[in-house]
Amino acid sequence: MNTELKLARYSKNLTQQEVADMVGIDRSTYARYETGTLPPYHRAIKISKVLNAEIHTLFNYQKKLINSEAIRKIMGEQEQQKERWWKRLLSRMKR
């Protein structure tokens, strides 16, 4: 359970639905974050801004990101996308 996230929301007198609406996600998605699921970094930034709290306090990113398999996967996917983009660009230049 992410107690810090829930406490930050309570301190702002907001419901899960209100936070979810401000962030642009479903309430059920936000509820998963309060039960311990780690949100994507870009979404964690939005939530921390809505709740006016430090991201590392809300989600303890310093510990969770160090050895995160998800982060390595995302980085690999981004590199693959860059590589595909360059290949398409080069093939277009050869035409």
Protein backbone atom coordinates (compact mmCIF):
# COMPACT_ATOMS: atom_id res chain seq x y z
CA MET A 1 0.00 0.00 0.00
CA ASN A 2 1.20 3.50 -0.79
CA THR A 3 0.37 5.30 2.44
CA GLU A 4 2.18 8.50 1.45
CA LEU A 5 0.09 8.91 -1.69
CA LYS A 6 -3.16 8.34 0.17
CA LEU A 7 -2.16 10.75 2.97
CA ALA A 8 -1.21 13.43 0.45
CA ARG A 9 -4.62 13.08 -1.22
CA TYR A 10 -6.43 13.20 2.13
CA SER A 11 -4.49 16.31 3.14
CA LYS A 12 -5.85 18.07 0.03
CA ASN A 13 -9.40 16.84 0.78
CA LEU A 14 -9.60 15.20 -2.64
CA THR A 15 -11.27 11.98 -3.70
CA GLN A 16 -9.57 9.40 -5.89
CA GLN A 17 -11.90 10.46 -8.70
CA GLU A 18 -10.93 14.12 -8.37
CA VAL A 19 -7.20 13.34 -8.52
CA ALA A 20 -7.75 10.95 -11.41
CA ASP A 21 -9.71 13.60 -13.33
CA MET A 22 -6.97 16.21 -12.76
CA VAL A 23 -4.32 13.78 -13.98
CA GLY A 24 -6.43 12.53 -16.91
CA ILE A 25 -6.73 8.87 -15.93
CA ASP A 26 -9.46 6.50 -14.74
CA ARG A 27 -10.21 6.34 -11.04
CA SER A 28 -9.43 2.62 -11.03
CA THR A 29 -5.96 3.34 -12.43
CA TYR A 30 -5.31 5.90 -9.71
CA ALA A 31 -6.63 3.47 -7.07
CA ARG A 32 -4.00 0.93 -8.18
CA TYR A 33 -1.30 3.51 -7.47
CA GLU A 34 -2.60 3.91 -3.94
CA THR A 35 -2.44 0.15 -3.46
CA GLY A 36 1.20 -0.01 -4.49
CA THR A 37 1.43 -0.16 -8.29
CA LEU A 38 4.17 2.16 -9.51
CA PRO A 39 2.87 4.59 -12.16
CA PRO A 40 4.85 5.55 -15.25
CA TYR A 41 7.24 8.35 -14.40
CA HIS A 42 5.42 10.98 -16.50
CA ARG A 43 2.19 10.19 -14.68
CA ALA A 44 3.87 10.23 -11.28
CA ILE A 45 5.08 13.76 -12.07
CA LYS A 46 1.51 14.87 -12.84
CA ILE A 47 0.19 13.31 -9.64
CA SER A 48 2.92 14.92 -7.55
CA LYS A 49 2.05 18.32 -9.04
CA VAL A 50 -1.67 17.85 -8.36
CA LEU A 51 -0.95 16.88 -4.76
CA ASN A 52 1.84 19.45 -4.37
CA ALA A 53 4.24 16.83 -3.04
CA GLU A 54 7.70 15.58 -3.90
CA ILE A 55 7.64 12.67 -6.35
CA HIS A 56 10.25 10.67 -4.43
CA THR A 57 8.17 11.02 -1.26
CA LEU A 58 4.94 9.87 -2.89
CA PHE A 59 6.35 6.94 -4.83
CA ASN A 60 9.77 6.26 -3.30
CA TYR A 61 11.25 6.32 -6.80
CA GLN A 62 14.82 6.42 -5.56
CA LYS A 63 14.56 2.80 -4.41
CA LYS A 64 12.17 1.44 -7.00
CA LEU A 65 13.84 2.81 -10.13
CA ILE A 66 17.40 1.69 -9.45
CA ASN A 67 16.90 -1.94 -10.52
CA SER A 68 13.58 -1.64 -12.28
CA GLU A 69 13.14 -4.10 -15.12
CA ALA A 70 10.34 -1.91 -16.50
CA ILE A 71 12.70 1.03 -16.90
CA ARG A 72 15.25 -1.09 -18.74
CA LYS A 73 12.47 -2.38 -21.01
CA ILE A 74 11.23 1.15 -21.75
CA MET A 75 14.75 2.34 -22.52
CA GLY A 76 15.26 -0.61 -24.86
CA GLU A 77 11.98 0.12 -26.64
CA GLN A 78 12.95 3.76 -27.07
CA GLU A 79 16.28 2.73 -28.57
CA GLN A 80 14.48 0.35 -30.95
CA GLN A 81 12.12 3.14 -31.99
CA LYS A 82 15.07 5.45 -32.69
CA GLU A 83 16.77 2.75 -34.71
CA ARG A 84 13.61 2.10 -36.79
CA TRP A 85 13.18 5.84 -37.33
CA TRP A 86 16.78 6.20 -38.60
CA LYS A 87 16.38 3.19 -40.90
CA ARG A 88 13.19 4.66 -42.41
CA LEU A 89 14.87 8.02 -42.85
CA LEU A 90 17.90 6.50 -44.54
CA SER A 91 15.76 4.36 -46.84
CA ARG A 92 13.79 7.46 -47.88
CA MET A 93 17.00 9.36 -48.58
CA LYS A 94 18.19 6.56 -50.90
CA ARG A 95 15.10 6.87 -53.10
